[in-house]
């Protein structure tokens, strides 16, 4: 995988460059951060897989992992409510997998996530 702006440094300790691995390029937040990274000349690459897989981190060797992936309301929020297993697999298991891999490798994980409320008790 190639990092955008690979010839730039960003003043990390020991002249180490920041290298972000971004999960999910098609999501709104991930795409906004990639634009910010470009303006700041911060190296980044989009993940080629889903975040419940462990391989991208080893292949890219990033300094930081940015997670903006998650099952959202496409085509609408009802899809998530009627597909709870898929939603939990992506939003919970996938995120916990990233946490585990980053912990093993001593990487900083930045997680941007929202949640879908499946049930609501209006009396609370």
PDB file of N, CA and C in Angstrom:
ATOM      1  N   UNK A   1       0.842  -1.172   0.000  1.00  0.00           N
ATOM      2  CA  UNK A   1       0.000   0.000   0.000  1.00  0.00           C
ATOM      3  C   UNK A   1       0.887   1.235   0.000  1.00  0.00           C
ATOM      4  N   UNK A   2       0.501   2.235  -0.712  1.00  0.00           N
ATOM      5  CA  UNK A   2       1.260   3.472  -0.775  1.00  0.00           C
ATOM      6  C   UNK A   2       0.615   4.532   0.097  1.00  0.00           C
ATOM      7  N   UNK A   3       1.436   5.281   0.782  1.00  0.00           N
ATOM      8  CA  UNK A   3       0.929   6.376   1.590  1.00  0.00           C
ATOM      9  C   UNK A   3       0.892   7.637   0.751  1.00  0.00           C
ATOM     10  N   UNK A   4      -0.180   8.397   0.890  1.00  0.00           N
ATOM     11  CA  UNK A   4      -0.256   9.702   0.240  1.00  0.00           C
ATOM     12  C   UNK A   4       0.801  10.600   0.871  1.00  0.00           C
ATOM     13  N   UNK A   5       1.370  11.485   0.083  1.00  0.00           N
ATOM     14  CA  UNK A   5       2.353  12.457   0.580  1.00  0.00           C
ATOM     15  C   UNK A   5       3.559  11.775   1.237  1.00  0.00           C
ATOM     16  N   UNK A   6       4.051  10.694   0.657  1.00  0.00           N
ATOM     17  CA  UNK A   6       5.059   9.866   1.305  1.00  0.00           C
ATOM     18  C   UNK A   6       6.408  10.550   1.496  1.00  0.00           C
ATOM     19  N   UNK A   7       6.648  11.691   0.865  1.00  0.00           N
ATOM     20  CA  UNK A   7       7.932  12.345   1.005  1.00  0.00           C
ATOM     21  C   UNK A   7       7.970  13.380   2.125  1.00  0.00           C
ATOM     22  N   UNK A   8       6.901  13.543   2.858  1.00  0.00           N
ATOM     23  CA  UNK A   8       6.818  14.570   3.906  1.00  0.00           C
ATOM     24  C   UNK A   8       7.092  13.960   5.276  1.00  0.00           C
ATOM     25  N   UNK A   9       7.638  14.747   6.193  1.00  0.00           N
ATOM     26  CA  UNK A   9       7.768  14.344   7.585  1.00  0.00           C
ATOM     27  C   UNK A   9       6.885  15.244   8.424  1.00  0.00           C
ATOM     28  N   UNK A  10       6.609  14.819   9.643  1.00  0.00           N
ATOM     29  CA  UNK A  10       5.690  15.585  10.469  1.00  0.00           C
ATOM     30  C   UNK A  10       6.231  15.836  11.870  1.00  0.00           C
ATOM     31  N   UNK A  11       7.550  15.768  12.058  1.00  0.00           N
ATOM     32  CA  UNK A  11       8.138  16.143  13.334  1.00  0.00           C
ATOM     33  C   UNK A  11       7.859  15.179  14.469  1.00  0.00           C
ATOM     34  N   UNK A  12       7.635  13.907  14.212  1.00  0.00           N
ATOM     35  CA  UNK A  12       7.453  12.926  15.272  1.00  0.00           C
ATOM     36  C   UNK A  12       8.789  12.678  15.954  1.00  0.00           C
ATOM     37  N   UNK A  13       8.735  12.094  17.132  1.00  0.00           N
ATOM     38  CA  UNK A  13       9.954  11.764  17.851  1.00  0.00           C
ATOM     39  C   UNK A  13      10.839  10.872  16.987  1.00  0.00           C
ATOM     40  N   UNK A  14      12.172  11.070  17.089  1.00  0.00           N
ATOM     41  CA  UNK A  14      13.147  10.274  16.342  1.00  0.00           C
ATOM     42  C   UNK A  14      12.919  10.343  14.840  1.00  0.00           C
ATOM     43  N   UNK A  15      12.401  11.442  14.347  1.00  0.00           N
ATOM     44  CA  UNK A  15      12.135  11.634  12.918  1.00  0.00           C
ATOM     45  C   UNK A  15      11.180  10.596  12.339  1.00  0.00           C
ATOM     46  N   UNK A  16      10.408   9.979  13.194  1.00  0.00           N
ATOM     47  CA  UNK A  16       9.413   9.010  12.737  1.00  0.00           C
ATOM     48  C   UNK A  16       8.217   9.763  12.163  1.00  0.00           C
ATOM     49  N   UNK A  17       7.754   9.337  11.010  1.00  0.00           N
ATOM     50  CA  UNK A  17       6.620   9.988  10.386  1.00  0.00           C
ATOM     51  C   UNK A  17       5.312   9.438  10.926  1.00  0.00           C
ATOM     52  N   UNK A  18       4.331  10.324  10.995  1.00  0.00           N
ATOM     53  CA  UNK A  18       2.976   9.867  11.271  1.00  0.00           C
ATOM     54  C   UNK A  18       2.487   9.121  10.042  1.00  0.00           C
ATOM     55  N   UNK A  19       1.885   7.981  10.252  1.00  0.00           N
ATOM     56  CA  UNK A  19       1.305   7.197   9.162  1.00  0.00           C
ATOM     57  C   UNK A  19      -0.029   6.660   9.660  1.00  0.00           C
ATOM     58  N   UNK A  20      -1.095   7.229   9.171  1.00  0.00           N
ATOM     59  CA  UNK A  20      -2.428   6.820   9.597  1.00  0.00           C
ATOM     60  C   UNK A  20      -2.991   5.758   8.673  1.00  0.00           C
ATOM     61  N   UNK A  21      -3.551   4.735   9.264  1.00  0.00           N
ATOM     62  CA  UNK A  21      -4.355   3.765   8.537  1.00  0.00           C
ATOM     63  C   UNK A  21      -5.802   4.116   8.844  1.00  0.00           C
ATOM     64  N   UNK A  22      -6.570   4.474   7.812  1.00  0.00           N
ATOM     65  CA  UNK A  22      -7.949   4.933   8.001  1.00  0.00           C
ATOM     66  C   UNK A  22      -8.927   3.842   7.611  1.00  0.00           C
ATOM     67  N   UNK A  23      -9.783   3.486   8.528  1.00  0.00           N
ATOM     68  CA  UNK A  23     -10.923   2.621   8.254  1.00  0.00           C
ATOM     69  C   UNK A  23     -12.124   3.534   8.201  1.00  0.00           C
ATOM     70  N   UNK A  24     -12.689   3.855   7.358  1.00  0.00           N
ATOM     71  CA  UNK A  24     -13.405   3.486   6.183  1.00  0.00           C
ATOM     72  C   UNK A  24     -13.459   4.688   5.265  1.00  0.00           C
ATOM     73  N   UNK A  25     -12.941   4.529   4.079  1.00  0.00           N
ATOM     74  CA  UNK A  25     -12.818   5.654   3.151  1.00  0.00           C
ATOM     75  C   UNK A  25     -14.158   6.127   2.608  1.00  0.00           C
ATOM     76  N   UNK A  26     -15.156   5.286   2.621  1.00  0.00           N
ATOM     77  CA  UNK A  26     -16.445   5.686   2.056  1.00  0.00           C
ATOM     78  C   UNK A  26     -17.335   6.372   3.070  1.00  0.00           C
ATOM     79  N   UNK A  27     -16.939   6.346   4.323  1.00  0.00           N
ATOM     80  CA  UNK A  27     -17.737   6.990   5.357  1.00  0.00           C
ATOM     81  C   UNK A  27     -17.393   8.471   5.422  1.00  0.00           C
ATOM     82  N   UNK A  28     -18.342   9.255   5.822  1.00  0.00           N
ATOM     83  CA  UNK A  28     -18.226  10.702   5.848  1.00  0.00           C
ATOM     84  C   UNK A  28     -17.055  11.171   6.709  1.00  0.00           C
ATOM     85  N   UNK A  29     -16.950  10.682   7.932  1.00  0.00           N
ATOM     86  CA  UNK A  29     -15.899  11.146   8.845  1.00  0.00           C
ATOM     87  C   UNK A  29     -14.521  10.760   8.313  1.00  0.00           C
ATOM     88  N   UNK A  30     -14.368   9.534   7.834  1.00  0.00           N
ATOM     89  CA  UNK A  30     -13.081   9.101   7.287  1.00  0.00           C
ATOM     90  C   UNK A  30     -12.631   9.955   6.120  1.00  0.00           C
ATOM     91  N   UNK A  31     -13.562  10.305   5.255  1.00  0.00           N
ATOM     92  CA  UNK A  31     -13.198  11.136   4.102  1.00  0.00           C
ATOM     93  C   UNK A  31     -12.831  12.558   4.524  1.00  0.00           C
ATOM     94  N   UNK A  32     -13.490  13.081   5.558  1.00  0.00           N
ATOM     95  CA  UNK A  32     -13.135  14.415   6.054  1.00  0.00           C
ATOM     96  C   UNK A  32     -11.732  14.434   6.653  1.00  0.00           C
ATOM     97  N   UNK A  33     -11.407  13.398   7.413  1.00  0.00           N
ATOM     98  CA  UNK A  33     -10.075  13.350   8.011  1.00  0.00           C
ATOM     99  C   UNK A  33      -8.994  13.166   6.959  1.00  0.00           C
ATOM    100  N   UNK A  34      -9.272  12.420   5.892  1.00  0.00           N
ATOM    101  CA  UNK A  34      -8.263  12.274   4.843  1.00  0.00           C
ATOM    102  C   UNK A  34      -7.963  13.629   4.205  1.00  0.00           C
ATOM    103  N   UNK A  35      -8.983  14.464   4.044  1.00  0.00           N
ATOM    104  CA  UNK A  35      -8.755  15.804   3.498  1.00  0.00           C
ATOM    105  C   UNK A  35      -7.912  16.644   4.460  1.00  0.00           C
ATOM    106  N   UNK A  36      -8.194  16.534   5.744  1.00  0.00           N
ATOM    107  CA  UNK A  36      -7.410  17.243   6.755  1.00  0.00           C
ATOM    108  C   UNK A  36      -5.965  16.755   6.750  1.00  0.00           C
ATOM    109  N   UNK A  37      -5.757  15.443   6.662  1.00  0.00           N
ATOM    110  CA  UNK A  37      -4.408  14.893   6.628  1.00  0.00           C
ATOM    111  C   UNK A  37      -3.651  15.398   5.406  1.00  0.00           C
ATOM    112  N   UNK A  38      -4.322  15.479   4.259  1.00  0.00           N
ATOM    113  CA  UNK A  38      -3.667  15.976   3.050  1.00  0.00           C
ATOM    114  C   UNK A  38      -3.200  17.419   3.233  1.00  0.00           C
ATOM    115  N   UNK A  39      -4.058  18.258   3.788  1.00  0.00           N
ATOM    116  CA  UNK A  39      -3.708  19.663   4.011  1.00  0.00           C
ATOM    117  C   UNK A  39      -2.527  19.783   4.969  1.00  0.00           C
ATOM    118  N   UNK A  40      -2.471  18.905   5.970  1.00  0.00           N
ATOM    119  CA  UNK A  40      -1.406  18.941   6.975  1.00  0.00           C
ATOM    120  C   UNK A  40      -0.178  18.124   6.569  1.00  0.00           C
ATOM    121  N   UNK A  41      -0.196  17.551   5.363  1.00  0.00           N
ATOM    122  CA  UNK A  41       0.902  16.707   4.871  1.00  0.00           C
ATOM    123  C   UNK A  41       1.176  15.529   5.794  1.00  0.00           C
ATOM    124  N   UNK A  42       0.122  14.924   6.305  1.00  0.00           N
ATOM    125  CA  UNK A  42       0.227  13.738   7.144  1.00  0.00           C
ATOM    126  C   UNK A  42      -0.011  12.518   6.257  1.00  0.00           C
ATOM    127  N   UNK A  43       0.881  11.546   6.364  1.00  0.00           N
ATOM    128  CA  UNK A  43       0.761  10.332   5.567  1.00  0.00           C
ATOM    129  C   UNK A  43      -0.471   9.545   5.990  1.00  0.00           C
ATOM    130  N   UNK A  44      -1.158   8.959   5.009  1.00  0.00           N
ATOM    131  CA  UNK A  44      -2.304   8.111   5.327  1.00  0.00           C
ATOM    132  C   UNK A  44      -2.572   7.147   4.193  1.00  0.00           C
ATOM    133  N   UNK A  45      -3.245   6.081   4.532  1.00  0.00           N
ATOM    134  CA  UNK A  45      -3.721   5.121   3.541  1.00  0.00           C
ATOM    135  C   UNK A  45      -5.066   4.605   4.049  1.00  0.00           C
ATOM    136  N   UNK A  46      -5.940   4.311   3.110  1.00  0.00           N
ATOM    137  CA  UNK A  46      -7.220   3.711   3.472  1.00  0.00           C
ATOM    138  C   UNK A  46      -7.047   2.208   3.619  1.00  0.00           C
ATOM    139  N   UNK A  47      -7.743   1.645   4.552  1.00  0.00           N
ATOM    140  CA  UNK A  47      -7.744   0.200   4.707  1.00  0.00           C
ATOM    141  C   UNK A  47      -8.363  -0.443   3.472  1.00  0.00           C
ATOM    142  N   UNK A  48      -7.826  -1.577   3.091  1.00  0.00           N
ATOM    143  CA  UNK A  48      -8.379  -2.286   1.943  1.00  0.00           C
ATOM    144  C   UNK A  48      -9.431  -3.312   2.354  1.00  0.00           C
ATOM    145  N   UNK A  49      -9.614  -3.500   3.662  1.00  0.00           N
ATOM    146  CA  UNK A  49     -10.564  -4.507   4.128  1.00  0.00           C
ATOM    147  C   UNK A  49     -11.456  -3.979   5.229  1.00  0.00           C
ATOM    148  N   UNK A  50     -12.280  -4.847   5.724  1.00  0.00           N
ATOM    149  CA  UNK A  50     -13.158  -4.516   6.841  1.00  0.00           C
ATOM    150  C   UNK A  50     -12.359  -4.569   8.134  1.00  0.00           C
ATOM    151  N   UNK A  51     -12.774  -3.836   9.117  1.00  0.00           N
ATOM    152  CA  UNK A  51     -11.971  -3.755  10.325  1.00  0.00           C
ATOM    153  C   UNK A  51     -12.089  -4.958  11.241  1.00  0.00           C
ATOM    154  N   UNK A  52     -12.955  -5.910  10.923  1.00  0.00           N
ATOM    155  CA  UNK A  52     -12.962  -7.137  11.708  1.00  0.00           C
ATOM    156  C   UNK A  52     -11.863  -8.102  11.260  1.00  0.00           C
ATOM    157  N   UNK A  53     -11.133  -7.756  10.182  1.00  0.00           N
ATOM    158  CA  UNK A  53      -9.976  -8.535   9.741  1.00  0.00           C
ATOM    159  C   UNK A  53      -8.727  -7.895  10.331  1.00  0.00           C
ATOM    160  N   UNK A  54      -7.741  -8.711  10.640  1.00  0.00           N
ATOM    161  CA  UNK A  54      -6.569  -8.234  11.353  1.00  0.00           C
ATOM    162  C   UNK A  54      -5.376  -7.895  10.453  1.00  0.00           C
ATOM    163  N   UNK A  55      -5.455  -8.167   9.172  1.00  0.00           N
ATOM    164  CA  UNK A  55      -4.263  -8.145   8.321  1.00  0.00           C
ATOM    165  C   UNK A  55      -3.780  -6.764   7.899  1.00  0.00           C
ATOM    166  N   UNK A  56      -4.643  -5.789   7.709  1.00  0.00           N
ATOM    167  CA  UNK A  56      -4.214  -4.497   7.178  1.00  0.00           C
ATOM    168  C   UNK A  56      -3.164  -3.808   8.051  1.00  0.00           C
ATOM    169  N   UNK A  57      -3.307  -3.910   9.344  1.00  0.00           N
ATOM    170  CA  UNK A  57      -2.364  -3.218  10.231  1.00  0.00           C
ATOM    171  C   UNK A  57      -0.952  -3.764  10.038  1.00  0.00           C
ATOM    172  N   UNK A  58      -0.809  -5.074   9.913  1.00  0.00           N
ATOM    173  CA  UNK A  58       0.510  -5.669   9.702  1.00  0.00           C
ATOM    174  C   UNK A  58       1.068  -5.294   8.330  1.00  0.00           C
ATOM    175  N   UNK A  59       0.209  -5.234   7.328  1.00  0.00           N
ATOM    176  CA  UNK A  59       0.659  -4.922   5.968  1.00  0.00           C
ATOM    177  C   UNK A  59       1.084  -3.468   5.806  1.00  0.00           C
ATOM    178  N   UNK A  60       0.435  -2.559   6.531  1.00  0.00           N
ATOM    179  CA  UNK A  60       0.682  -1.123   6.368  1.00  0.00           C
ATOM    180  C   UNK A  60       1.737  -0.610   7.338  1.00  0.00           C
ATOM    181  N   UNK A  61       1.811  -1.178   8.535  1.00  0.00           N
ATOM    182  CA  UNK A  61       2.725  -0.730   9.578  1.00  0.00           C
ATOM    183  C   UNK A  61       2.537   0.757   9.892  1.00  0.00           C
ATOM    184  N   UNK A  62       1.323   1.146  10.296  1.00  0.00           N
ATOM    185  CA  UNK A  62       1.045   2.559  10.581  1.00  0.00           C
ATOM    186  C   UNK A  62       1.574   2.965  11.955  1.00  0.00           C
ATOM    187  N   UNK A  63       1.615   4.278  12.180  1.00  0.00           N
ATOM    188  CA  UNK A  63       1.913   4.783  13.522  1.00  0.00           C
ATOM    189  C   UNK A  63       0.617   4.962  14.316  1.00  0.00           C
ATOM    190  N   UNK A  64      -0.485   5.169  13.599  1.00  0.00           N
ATOM    191  CA  UNK A  64      -1.790   5.387  14.220  1.00  0.00           C
ATOM    192  C   UNK A  64      -2.868   4.715  13.365  1.00  0.00           C
ATOM    193  N   UNK A  65      -3.933   4.312  14.015  1.00  0.00           N
ATOM    194  CA  UNK A  65      -5.087   3.752  13.305  1.00  0.00           C
ATOM    195  C   UNK A  65      -6.285   4.634  13.613  1.00  0.00           C
ATOM    196  N   UNK A  66      -6.983   5.017  12.572  1.00  0.00           N
ATOM    197  CA  UNK A  66      -8.160   5.872  12.708  1.00  0.00           C
ATOM    198  C   UNK A  66      -9.371   5.067  12.248  1.00  0.00           C
ATOM    199  N   UNK A  67     -10.298   4.817  13.147  1.00  0.00           N
ATOM    200  CA  UNK A  67     -11.480   4.026  12.809  1.00  0.00           C
ATOM    201  C   UNK A  67     -12.714   4.915  12.715  1.00  0.00           C
ATOM    202  N   UNK A  68     -13.243   5.003  11.510  1.00  0.00           N
ATOM    203  CA  UNK A  68     -14.513   5.699  11.288  1.00  0.00           C
ATOM    204  C   UNK A  68     -15.503   4.755  10.620  1.00  0.00           C
ATOM    205  N   UNK A  69     -15.194   3.460  10.670  1.00  0.00           N
ATOM    206  CA  UNK A  69     -16.045   2.464  10.016  1.00  0.00           C
ATOM    207  C   UNK A  69     -17.193   2.075  10.935  1.00  0.00           C
ATOM    208  N   UNK A  70     -18.266   1.708  10.326  1.00  0.00           N
ATOM    209  CA  UNK A  70     -19.393   1.221  11.095  1.00  0.00           C
ATOM    210  C   UNK A  70     -20.617   1.068  10.223  1.00  0.00           C
ATOM    211  N   UNK A  71     -21.470   0.202  10.644  1.00  0.00           N
ATOM    212  CA  UNK A  71     -22.729   0.005   9.951  1.00  0.00           C
ATOM    213  C   UNK A  71     -23.610   1.198  10.269  1.00  0.00           C
ATOM    214  N   UNK A  72     -24.098   1.829   9.235  1.00  0.00           N
ATOM    215  CA  UNK A  72     -24.902   3.030   9.426  1.00  0.00           C
ATOM    216  C   UNK A  72     -26.321   2.808   8.930  1.00  0.00           C
ATOM    217  N   UNK A  73     -26.970   3.859   8.709  1.00  0.00           N
ATOM    218  CA  UNK A  73     -28.398   3.800   8.372  1.00  0.00           C
ATOM    219  C   UNK A  73     -28.636   3.759   6.872  1.00  0.00           C
ATOM    220  N   UNK A  74     -27.906   2.911   6.153  1.00  0.00           N
ATOM    221  CA  UNK A  74     -28.135   2.769   4.717  1.00  0.00           C
ATOM    222  C   UNK A  74     -28.862   1.467   4.457  1.00  0.00           C
ATOM    223  N   UNK A  75     -29.915   1.414   3.781  1.00  0.00           N
ATOM    224  CA  UNK A  75     -30.579   2.550   3.151  1.00  0.00           C
ATOM    225  C   UNK A  75     -31.295   3.444   4.162  1.00  0.00           C
ATOM    226  N   UNK A  76     -31.587   2.929   5.340  1.00  0.00           N
ATOM    227  CA  UNK A  76     -32.165   3.743   6.411  1.00  0.00           C
ATOM    228  C   UNK A  76     -31.910   3.042   7.733  1.00  0.00           C
ATOM    229  N   UNK A  77     -32.217   3.703   8.821  1.00  0.00           N
ATOM    230  CA  UNK A  77     -31.928   3.159  10.143  1.00  0.00           C
ATOM    231  C   UNK A  77     -32.681   1.859  10.409  1.00  0.00           C
ATOM    232  N   UNK A  78     -33.776   1.654   9.727  1.00  0.00           N
ATOM    233  CA  UNK A  78     -34.526   0.410   9.907  1.00  0.00           C
ATOM    234  C   UNK A  78     -33.705  -0.805   9.509  1.00  0.00           C
ATOM    235  N   UNK A  79     -32.793  -0.641   8.532  1.00  0.00           N
ATOM    236  CA  UNK A  79     -31.954  -1.764   8.126  1.00  0.00           C
ATOM    237  C   UNK A  79     -31.129  -2.257   9.307  1.00  0.00           C
ATOM    238  N   UNK A  80     -30.493  -1.355  10.043  1.00  0.00           N
ATOM    239  CA  UNK A  80     -29.692  -1.745  11.206  1.00  0.00           C
ATOM    240  C   UNK A  80     -30.553  -2.434  12.255  1.00  0.00           C
ATOM    241  N   UNK A  81     -31.741  -1.944  12.445  1.00  0.00           N
ATOM    242  CA  UNK A  81     -32.628  -2.530  13.445  1.00  0.00           C
ATOM    243  C   UNK A  81     -33.099  -3.924  13.050  1.00  0.00           C
ATOM    244  N   UNK A  82     -33.224  -4.175  11.767  1.00  0.00           N
ATOM    245  CA  UNK A  82     -33.672  -5.495  11.328  1.00  0.00           C
ATOM    246  C   UNK A  82     -32.495  -6.416  10.987  1.00  0.00           C
ATOM    247  N   UNK A  83     -31.279  -5.918  11.047  1.00  0.00           N
ATOM    248  CA  UNK A  83     -30.071  -6.706  10.794  1.00  0.00           C
ATOM    249  C   UNK A  83     -29.097  -6.518  11.959  1.00  0.00           C
ATOM    250  N   UNK A  84     -29.541  -6.877  13.138  1.00  0.00           N
ATOM    251  CA  UNK A  84     -28.750  -6.632  14.343  1.00  0.00           C
ATOM    252  C   UNK A  84     -27.433  -7.395  14.361  1.00  0.00           C
ATOM    253  N   UNK A  85     -27.424  -8.628  13.876  1.00  0.00           N
ATOM    254  CA  UNK A  85     -26.193  -9.418  13.898  1.00  0.00           C
ATOM    255  C   UNK A  85     -25.121  -8.745  13.047  1.00  0.00           C
ATOM    256  N   UNK A  86     -25.469  -8.350  11.830  1.00  0.00           N
ATOM    257  CA  UNK A  86     -24.505  -7.686  10.956  1.00  0.00           C
ATOM    258  C   UNK A  86     -24.028  -6.363  11.550  1.00  0.00           C
ATOM    259  N   UNK A  87     -24.956  -5.638  12.137  1.00  0.00           N
ATOM    260  CA  UNK A  87     -24.614  -4.343  12.736  1.00  0.00           C
ATOM    261  C   UNK A  87     -23.682  -4.525  13.929  1.00  0.00           C
ATOM    262  N   UNK A  88     -23.961  -5.488  14.787  1.00  0.00           N
ATOM    263  CA  UNK A  88     -23.102  -5.753  15.947  1.00  0.00           C
ATOM    264  C   UNK A  88     -21.741  -6.279  15.506  1.00  0.00           C
ATOM    265  N   UNK A  89     -21.731  -7.140  14.475  1.00  0.00           N
ATOM    266  CA  UNK A  89     -20.461  -7.664  13.974  1.00  0.00           C
ATOM    267  C   UNK A  89     -19.559  -6.520  13.521  1.00  0.00           C
ATOM    268  N   UNK A  90     -20.120  -5.574  12.819  1.00  0.00           N
ATOM    269  CA  UNK A  90     -19.325  -4.451  12.312  1.00  0.00           C
ATOM    270  C   UNK A  90     -18.986  -3.464  13.428  1.00  0.00           C
ATOM    271  N   UNK A  91     -19.991  -2.988  14.144  1.00  0.00           N
ATOM    272  CA  UNK A  91     -19.809  -1.876  15.070  1.00  0.00           C
ATOM    273  C   UNK A  91     -19.170  -2.274  16.395  1.00  0.00           C
ATOM    274  N   UNK A  92     -19.371  -3.509  16.831  1.00  0.00           N
ATOM    275  CA  UNK A  92     -18.818  -3.928  18.118  1.00  0.00           C
ATOM    276  C   UNK A  92     -17.621  -4.855  17.912  1.00  0.00           C
ATOM    277  N   UNK A  93     -17.838  -5.977  17.237  1.00  0.00           N
ATOM    278  CA  UNK A  93     -16.762  -6.956  17.063  1.00  0.00           C
ATOM    279  C   UNK A  93     -15.619  -6.357  16.235  1.00  0.00           C
ATOM    280  N   UNK A  94     -15.950  -5.661  15.164  1.00  0.00           N
ATOM    281  CA  UNK A  94     -14.912  -5.050  14.340  1.00  0.00           C
ATOM    282  C   UNK A  94     -14.081  -4.039  15.111  1.00  0.00           C
ATOM    283  N   UNK A  95     -14.742  -3.206  15.876  1.00  0.00           N
ATOM    284  CA  UNK A  95     -14.028  -2.202  16.668  1.00  0.00           C
ATOM    285  C   UNK A  95     -13.167  -2.863  17.738  1.00  0.00           C
ATOM    286  N   UNK A  96     -13.697  -3.872  18.415  1.00  0.00           N
ATOM    287  CA  UNK A  96     -12.907  -4.569  19.434  1.00  0.00           C
ATOM    288  C   UNK A  96     -11.708  -5.298  18.828  1.00  0.00           C
ATOM    289  N   UNK A  97     -11.838  -5.780  17.615  1.00  0.00           N
ATOM    290  CA  UNK A  97     -10.704  -6.400  16.922  1.00  0.00           C
ATOM    291  C   UNK A  97      -9.609  -5.370  16.699  1.00  0.00           C
ATOM    292  N   UNK A  98      -9.995  -4.179  16.238  1.00  0.00           N
ATOM    293  CA  UNK A  98      -8.996  -3.119  16.056  1.00  0.00           C
ATOM    294  C   UNK A  98      -8.331  -2.748  17.376  1.00  0.00           C
ATOM    295  N   UNK A  99      -9.109  -2.645  18.427  1.00  0.00           N
ATOM    296  CA  UNK A  99      -8.556  -2.340  19.746  1.00  0.00           C
ATOM    297  C   UNK A  99      -7.525  -3.394  20.138  1.00  0.00           C
ATOM    298  N   UNK A 100      -7.862  -4.658  19.936  1.00  0.00           N
ATOM    299  CA  UNK A 100      -6.971  -5.756  20.305  1.00  0.00           C
ATOM    300  C   UNK A 100      -5.673  -5.716  19.506  1.00  0.00           C
ATOM    301  N   UNK A 101      -5.765  -5.566  18.196  1.00  0.00           N
ATOM    302  CA  UNK A 101      -4.570  -5.538  17.355  1.00  0.00           C
ATOM    303  C   UNK A 101      -3.707  -4.327  17.695  1.00  0.00           C
ATOM    304  N   UNK A 102      -4.327  -3.172  17.860  1.00  0.00           N
ATOM    305  CA  UNK A 102      -3.559  -1.967  18.205  1.00  0.00           C
ATOM    306  C   UNK A 102      -2.882  -2.111  19.554  1.00  0.00           C
ATOM    307  N   UNK A 103      -3.557  -2.724  20.499  1.00  0.00           N
ATOM    308  CA  UNK A 103      -2.966  -2.956  21.819  1.00  0.00           C
ATOM    309  C   UNK A 103      -1.757  -3.882  21.699  1.00  0.00           C
ATOM    310  N   UNK A 104      -1.888  -4.956  20.935  1.00  0.00           N
ATOM    311  CA  UNK A 104      -0.776  -5.889  20.738  1.00  0.00           C
ATOM    312  C   UNK A 104       0.434  -5.204  20.125  1.00  0.00           C
ATOM    313  N   UNK A 105       0.204  -4.264  19.207  1.00  0.00           N
ATOM    314  CA  UNK A 105       1.291  -3.621  18.471  1.00  0.00           C
ATOM    315  C   UNK A 105       1.719  -2.283  19.073  1.00  0.00           C
ATOM    316  N   UNK A 106       1.064  -1.866  20.153  1.00  0.00           N
ATOM    317  CA  UNK A 106       1.416  -0.602  20.791  1.00  0.00           C
ATOM    318  C   UNK A 106       1.050   0.612  19.958  1.00  0.00           C
ATOM    319  N   UNK A 107      -0.011   0.504  19.175  1.00  0.00           N
ATOM    320  CA  UNK A 107      -0.437   1.595  18.302  1.00  0.00           C
ATOM    321  C   UNK A 107      -1.544   2.416  18.945  1.00  0.00           C
ATOM    322  N   UNK A 108      -1.594   3.660  18.582  1.00  0.00           N
ATOM    323  CA  UNK A 108      -2.678   4.534  19.019  1.00  0.00           C
ATOM    324  C   UNK A 108      -3.863   4.306  18.101  1.00  0.00           C
ATOM    325  N   UNK A 109      -5.007   4.050  18.688  1.00  0.00           N
ATOM    326  CA  UNK A 109      -6.255   3.890  17.940  1.00  0.00           C
ATOM    327  C   UNK A 109      -7.168   5.059  18.275  1.00  0.00           C
ATOM    328  N   UNK A 110      -7.625   5.728  17.233  1.00  0.00           N
ATOM    329  CA  UNK A 110      -8.587   6.807  17.386  1.00  0.00           C
ATOM    330  C   UNK A 110      -9.893   6.284  16.819  1.00  0.00           C
ATOM    331  N   UNK A 111     -10.921   6.241  17.627  1.00  0.00           N
ATOM    332  CA  UNK A 111     -12.192   5.657  17.220  1.00  0.00           C
ATOM    333  C   UNK A 111     -13.288   6.719  17.236  1.00  0.00           C
ATOM    334  N   UNK A 112     -13.869   6.961  16.079  1.00  0.00           N
ATOM    335  CA  UNK A 112     -15.011   7.858  15.955  1.00  0.00           C
ATOM    336  C   UNK A 112     -16.221   7.002  15.644  1.00  0.00           C
ATOM    337  N   UNK A 113     -17.178   6.995  16.544  1.00  0.00           N
ATOM    338  CA  UNK A 113     -18.329   6.126  16.341  1.00  0.00           C
ATOM    339  C   UNK A 113     -19.578   6.752  16.939  1.00  0.00           C
ATOM    340  N   UNK A 114     -20.675   6.371  16.364  1.00  0.00           N
ATOM    341  CA  UNK A 114     -21.972   6.698  16.927  1.00  0.00           C
ATOM    342  C   UNK A 114     -22.714   5.394  17.104  1.00  0.00           C
ATOM    343  N   UNK A 115     -23.844   5.435  17.732  1.00  0.00           N
ATOM    344  CA  UNK A 115     -24.584   4.212  17.957  1.00  0.00           C
ATOM    345  C   UNK A 115     -26.022   4.342  17.499  1.00  0.00           C
ATOM    346  N   UNK A 116     -26.591   3.217  17.313  1.00  0.00           N
ATOM    347  CA  UNK A 116     -28.007   3.155  16.958  1.00  0.00           C
ATOM    348  C   UNK A 116     -28.750   2.573  18.158  1.00  0.00           C
ATOM    349  N   UNK A 117     -29.769   3.249  18.581  1.00  0.00           N
ATOM    350  CA  UNK A 117     -30.566   2.760  19.702  1.00  0.00           C
ATOM    351  C   UNK A 117     -31.620   1.822  19.146  1.00  0.00           C
ATOM    352  N   UNK A 118     -31.513   0.548  19.524  1.00  0.00           N
ATOM    353  CA  UNK A 118     -32.448  -0.431  18.999  1.00  0.00           C
ATOM    354  C   UNK A 118     -33.782  -0.402  19.741  1.00  0.00           C
ATOM    355  N   UNK A 119     -33.740  -0.081  21.010  1.00  0.00           N
ATOM    356  CA  UNK A 119     -34.970  -0.033  21.796  1.00  0.00           C
ATOM    357  C   UNK A 119     -34.925   1.209  22.666  1.00  0.00           C
ATOM    358  N   UNK A 120     -36.096   1.763  22.920  1.00  0.00           N
ATOM    359  CA  UNK A 120     -36.179   2.980  23.712  1.00  0.00           C
ATOM    360  C   UNK A 120     -37.319   2.865  24.693  1.00  0.00           C
ATOM    361  N   UNK A 121     -37.053   3.225  25.923  1.00  0.00           N
ATOM    362  CA  UNK A 121     -38.097   3.218  26.935  1.00  0.00           C
ATOM    363  C   UNK A 121     -38.398   4.683  27.290  1.00  0.00           C
ATOM    364  N   UNK A 122     -39.506   5.188  26.819  1.00  0.00           N
ATOM    365  CA  UNK A 122     -39.829   6.598  26.998  1.00  0.00           C
ATOM    366  C   UNK A 122     -40.161   6.956  28.451  1.00  0.00           C
ATOM    367  N   UNK A 123     -40.305   5.950  29.324  1.00  0.00           N
ATOM    368  CA  UNK A 123     -40.605   6.244  30.719  1.00  0.00           C
ATOM    369  C   UNK A 123     -39.341   6.555  31.521  1.00  0.00           C
ATOM    370  N   UNK A 124     -38.175   6.307  30.960  1.00  0.00           N
ATOM    371  CA  UNK A 124     -36.932   6.580  31.689  1.00  0.00           C
ATOM    372  C   UNK A 124     -36.506   8.020  31.538  1.00  0.00           C
TER     373      UNK A 124
END
